[in-house]
Protein backbone atom coordinates (compact mmCIF):
# COMPACT_ATOMS: atom_id res chain seq x y z
CA MET A 1 -1.67 -51.13 -4.72
CA GLU A 2 -3.27 -49.30 -2.37
CA LYS A 3 -2.67 -45.58 -2.74
CA GLN A 4 -0.51 -44.00 0.35
CA TYR A 5 -0.81 -40.90 2.17
CA CYS A 6 0.17 -37.65 0.08
CA THR A 7 0.79 -34.54 1.63
CA ALA A 8 2.06 -31.14 -0.33
CA VAL A 9 4.27 -29.11 1.30
CA VAL A 10 4.14 -25.69 -0.62
CA LEU A 11 6.61 -23.04 0.12
CA ALA A 12 5.51 -19.53 -0.29
CA ALA A 13 8.23 -17.89 2.22
CA GLY A 14 10.58 -16.43 0.32
CA LYS A 15 11.10 -12.35 -0.47
CA GLY A 16 11.65 -12.69 -3.98
CA ALA A 17 14.62 -9.89 -4.13
CA ARG A 18 14.91 -10.16 -8.08
CA MET A 19 11.41 -9.38 -8.38
CA GLY A 20 12.28 -5.64 -7.39
CA THR A 21 9.09 -5.29 -6.22
CA ARG A 22 7.59 -4.86 -2.37
CA THR A 23 5.32 -7.99 -3.00
CA ALA A 24 7.06 -10.99 -2.81
CA LYS A 25 6.52 -12.74 -5.69
CA GLN A 26 4.33 -15.73 -4.93
CA TYR A 27 1.62 -12.75 -3.94
CA LEU A 28 1.73 -10.69 -7.26
CA GLU A 29 -1.01 -11.47 -9.18
CA ILE A 30 -1.79 -13.22 -12.72
CA GLY A 31 -5.02 -13.90 -14.47
CA ASP A 32 -6.27 -11.99 -11.38
CA MET A 33 -4.79 -14.42 -8.43
CA PRO A 34 -1.73 -14.55 -6.68
CA VAL A 35 0.90 -16.77 -8.10
CA VAL A 36 0.54 -19.27 -4.82
CA ALA A 37 -3.29 -19.86 -5.38
CA HIS A 38 -2.38 -21.01 -8.97
CA ALA A 39 -0.12 -23.60 -7.39
CA LEU A 40 -2.44 -24.23 -4.68
CA LEU A 41 -5.18 -24.86 -6.77
CA ALA A 42 -3.27 -27.59 -8.80
CA PHE A 43 -2.49 -29.65 -5.32
CA GLN A 44 -6.49 -29.13 -4.28
CA GLU A 45 -7.60 -30.59 -7.41
CA SER A 46 -5.55 -33.78 -7.41
CA SER A 47 -7.03 -36.77 -6.31
CA LEU A 48 -3.49 -38.04 -5.10
CA ILE A 49 -3.47 -35.42 -2.62
CA ASP A 50 -4.94 -35.53 0.59
CA GLU A 51 -3.39 -32.06 2.35
CA ILE A 52 -1.74 -29.31 1.76
CA ILE A 53 0.72 -27.57 4.02
CA LEU A 54 1.27 -24.02 3.34
CA MET A 55 4.88 -22.56 4.46
CA THR A 56 4.97 -18.47 4.60
CA ASP A 57 6.97 -15.73 6.19
CA ALA A 58 5.48 -14.34 9.67
CA GLY A 59 3.96 -11.25 8.08
CA HIS A 60 1.62 -12.70 5.80
CA LEU A 61 -0.04 -15.82 7.88
CA GLU A 62 -3.19 -14.37 8.33
CA TYR A 63 -3.16 -13.23 4.86
CA CYS A 64 -2.37 -16.49 3.04
CA LYS A 65 -5.54 -17.88 5.69
CA LYS A 66 -7.68 -15.47 4.66
CA GLU A 67 -7.10 -14.23 1.27
CA ILE A 68 -5.80 -17.25 -0.51
CA VAL A 69 -7.30 -20.47 1.70
CA ASP A 70 -10.43 -19.00 2.67
CA ALA A 71 -10.99 -17.29 -0.36
CA TYR A 72 -10.35 -19.78 -3.27
CA HIS A 73 -11.83 -22.86 -0.91
CA LEU A 74 -8.55 -24.25 -0.18
CA ASP A 75 -9.92 -26.98 2.01
CA LYS A 76 -7.03 -29.28 1.97
CA VAL A 77 -4.83 -26.88 3.34
CA SER A 78 -4.36 -28.33 6.88
CA THR A 79 -1.51 -25.84 8.28
CA VAL A 80 -0.17 -22.19 7.23
CA GLY A 81 3.22 -21.96 9.14
CA ALA A 82 5.96 -19.44 9.48
CA GLY A 83 8.68 -21.03 7.22
CA GLY A 84 12.52 -19.74 7.92
CA ARG A 85 14.30 -17.50 6.66
CA GLU A 86 15.92 -20.10 3.75
CA ARG A 87 14.01 -23.04 2.15
CA TYR A 88 15.80 -25.77 4.05
CA GLU A 89 14.34 -24.03 7.12
CA SER A 90 11.01 -23.84 5.46
CA VAL A 91 11.04 -27.49 4.75
CA TRP A 92 12.24 -28.75 8.21
CA LYS A 93 9.39 -26.72 9.65
CA ALA A 94 6.88 -27.99 7.55
CA LEU A 95 8.28 -31.86 8.14
CA CYS A 96 8.32 -31.38 11.72
CA THR A 97 4.72 -30.76 11.30
CA MET A 98 3.99 -33.68 9.31
CA MET A 99 5.90 -36.00 11.77
CA ASP A 100 4.33 -34.18 14.95
CA LYS A 101 2.21 -37.86 16.59
CA GLU A 102 0.35 -35.33 18.93
CA GLU A 103 -1.14 -32.87 16.40
CA TRP A 104 -4.30 -35.75 15.36
CA GLU A 105 -6.15 -37.33 17.70
CA ASP A 106 -6.58 -39.61 14.83
CA GLU A 107 -3.89 -42.21 15.38
CA ALA A 108 -4.09 -43.81 12.08
CA LEU A 109 -4.32 -40.63 10.25
CA SER A 110 -1.32 -39.66 11.63
CA ARG A 111 0.84 -42.82 10.71
CA ALA A 112 -0.56 -42.89 7.27
CA ARG A 113 0.96 -39.09 7.19
CA ARG A 114 4.62 -39.74 8.69
CA GLU A 115 4.70 -43.35 6.55
CA GLY A 116 3.28 -41.33 3.10
CA TYR A 117 4.59 -39.43 0.65
CA VAL A 118 5.78 -35.39 0.63
CA PHE A 119 5.45 -33.34 -2.32
CA ILE A 120 7.39 -30.53 -2.10
CA HIS A 121 6.68 -27.81 -4.31
CA ASP A 122 7.72 -23.60 -5.10
CA GLY A 123 4.92 -21.32 -4.19
CA ALA A 124 6.30 -19.21 -6.91
CA ARG A 125 5.64 -22.22 -9.99
CA PRO A 126 2.15 -21.41 -10.91
CA PHE A 127 1.81 -24.30 -13.38
CA VAL A 128 2.49 -27.34 -11.71
CA THR A 129 -0.76 -29.63 -13.11
CA PRO A 130 -2.49 -32.40 -12.10
CA GLU A 131 -1.09 -34.51 -14.66
CA ILE A 132 2.52 -33.63 -13.66
CA ILE A 133 1.80 -34.50 -9.94
CA ALA A 134 0.31 -37.85 -11.13
CA ARG A 135 3.72 -38.61 -12.92
CA ALA A 136 5.19 -37.77 -9.68
CA TYR A 137 2.97 -39.91 -7.86
CA GLU A 138 3.74 -42.98 -10.18
CA ASP A 139 7.79 -42.13 -10.03
CA VAL A 140 7.92 -41.87 -5.97
CA VAL A 141 6.28 -44.99 -5.61
CA LYS A 142 8.97 -46.70 -7.64
CA TRP A 143 11.52 -44.86 -6.42
CA LYS A 144 11.11 -43.50 -3.18
CA ALA A 145 12.64 -40.39 -3.96
CA CYS A 146 11.67 -38.03 -7.84
CA VAL A 147 12.57 -34.52 -8.58
CA VAL A 148 10.04 -33.28 -11.70
CA GLY A 149 12.26 -31.23 -14.59
CA MET A 150 12.82 -31.17 -18.05
CA PRO A 151 15.83 -31.89 -20.41
CA VAL A 152 17.57 -28.63 -21.13
CA LYS A 153 17.26 -27.36 -24.50
CA ASP A 154 20.48 -25.36 -25.15
CA THR A 155 24.29 -26.87 -24.67
CA ILE A 156 25.35 -26.36 -21.02
CA LYS A 157 29.34 -25.25 -20.29
CA LEU A 158 30.87 -25.43 -16.96
CA VAL A 159 33.28 -22.71 -16.13
CA ASP A 160 35.88 -22.23 -13.45
CA GLU A 161 36.41 -18.84 -11.46
CA ASP A 162 37.58 -17.00 -14.67
CA SER A 163 34.47 -17.69 -16.61
CA CYS A 164 36.81 -19.86 -19.15
CA ILE A 165 35.23 -23.57 -19.98
CA VAL A 166 36.46 -26.43 -18.21
CA ASP A 167 33.68 -29.08 -19.23
CA SER A 168 30.60 -29.60 -21.96
CA PRO A 169 28.54 -32.29 -20.44
CA ARG A 170 26.81 -33.96 -23.05
CA ARG A 171 22.97 -32.04 -23.33
CA SER A 172 21.26 -35.31 -23.23
CA LEU A 173 22.45 -36.35 -19.47
CA VAL A 174 21.51 -32.48 -18.08
CA TRP A 175 18.19 -31.84 -17.13
CA GLN A 176 16.78 -28.86 -15.35
CA ALA A 177 15.26 -29.37 -11.64
CA GLN A 178 11.81 -28.27 -11.21
CA THR A 179 9.27 -28.93 -8.49
CA PRO A 180 7.33 -30.70 -7.13
CA GLN A 181 10.31 -32.89 -5.40
CA VAL A 182 8.67 -35.77 -3.95
CA PHE A 183 9.95 -38.20 -1.45
CA SER A 184 9.17 -41.10 0.88
CA VAL A 185 8.50 -39.12 3.73
CA PRO A 186 10.37 -41.27 6.41
CA LEU A 187 13.06 -41.13 3.80
CA ILE A 188 13.55 -37.37 3.44
CA ALA A 189 12.77 -36.85 7.34
CA GLU A 190 15.36 -38.88 8.21
CA ALA A 191 17.95 -37.02 5.21
CA PHE A 192 16.61 -33.63 7.11
CA THR A 193 17.44 -34.47 10.72
CA ARG A 194 20.82 -35.37 9.70
CA GLN A 195 21.57 -32.39 7.33
CA MET A 196 20.14 -30.16 10.12
CA LYS A 197 23.22 -31.13 12.71
CA GLU A 198 25.80 -29.91 9.60
CA ASP A 199 26.72 -26.55 7.31
CA CYS A 200 23.29 -25.60 5.68
CA SER A 201 24.65 -22.76 3.66
CA HIS A 202 24.80 -24.81 0.56
CA VAL A 203 21.57 -26.30 0.29
CA THR A 204 19.34 -25.02 -2.81
CA ASP A 205 17.04 -27.92 -2.96
CA ASP A 206 15.53 -30.95 -1.35
CA ALA A 207 16.92 -33.57 -3.45
CA MET A 208 20.75 -32.48 -2.40
CA VAL A 209 19.73 -33.48 0.83
CA VAL A 210 18.40 -36.85 0.07
CA GLU A 211 21.61 -37.41 -2.22
CA ALA A 212 24.14 -36.31 0.41
CA GLN A 213 22.44 -37.88 3.43
CA MET A 214 21.05 -40.92 2.28
CA GLY A 215 23.05 -42.12 -1.20
CA VAL A 216 19.94 -43.03 -2.94
CA ARG A 217 19.52 -42.83 -6.23
CA ILE A 218 16.66 -39.72 -7.29
CA HIS A 219 14.62 -40.23 -10.18
CA MET A 220 14.34 -37.57 -12.82
CA THR A 221 10.40 -37.25 -13.50
CA GLN A 222 9.12 -35.37 -16.65
CA GLY A 223 7.39 -31.93 -15.99
CA SER A 224 6.50 -29.62 -18.58
CA TYR A 225 8.69 -26.68 -19.99
CA GLU A 226 5.46 -24.43 -19.13
CA ASN A 227 6.37 -25.72 -15.28
CA ILE A 228 8.62 -22.02 -14.72
CA LYS A 229 9.39 -20.05 -11.78
CA ILE A 230 8.18 -16.59 -11.47
CA THR A 231 11.65 -14.94 -10.32
CA THR A 232 11.97 -11.66 -12.16
CA PRO A 233 9.86 -9.36 -14.26
CA GLU A 234 10.26 -10.97 -17.62
CA ASP A 235 9.02 -13.97 -16.03
CA LEU A 236 5.49 -12.72 -14.52
CA LEU A 237 5.07 -11.39 -18.43
CA ILE A 238 5.60 -14.61 -19.82
CA ALA A 239 3.37 -16.07 -17.27
CA GLU A 240 0.40 -13.94 -17.72
CA THR A 241 0.86 -14.90 -21.87
CA MET A 242 0.81 -18.63 -21.07
CA LEU A 243 -2.48 -17.89 -18.82
CA ASN A 244 -3.79 -16.24 -22.08
CA LYS A 245 -3.17 -18.43 -24.34
CA LYS A 246 -4.90 -21.27 -21.89
CA SER A 247 -7.80 -19.72 -21.24
């Protein structure tokens, strides 16, 4: 089967309030390199990814272009765009960029982009790998929608408003969602087109939109327990330790 066009959307517009630093978490350094640069390099190095769209906040556009894209020779990055205040807004803006028929003069390439697959990834997850990307591509071709994740290691408890346990789901059926989350472009573009006409305050990831609006089954793809998200100072220390072990 011929490989379909693949776009990676890397989200780096968040403020990262839980980190407690002036610098947003995705721009903090591990191994003398910004967190988001590690993520971008994985997509740059993957033979499956044709193009990268980096969504940041308006205040970091020039920084990202010069200090990340140019500095690390990320020639697959076609767009550095300003995202929104919430994740779903940044994803929507990236999808609009992808679906814009006027952006590229090459009509065949533009059509391939609109009919291919999109990998949506948190810029604060530095340890995504080409191997994870390859597994996700294999699954999205089969299922049209997949989410990278891992089975939880701990027993999970569901609680009510008083923090009293109401259910204990079988651990074998519970996965921790990671990114990238990967979709057929027509599928997620239509899902977000519908969602943007409704209340989006509950939307915390992209799969929720596709589930709610399109009613399709979404496959879980094995990621890695190392594919952590940098959210707190403790995560930064863990990431630095993991990086040291790899080197």
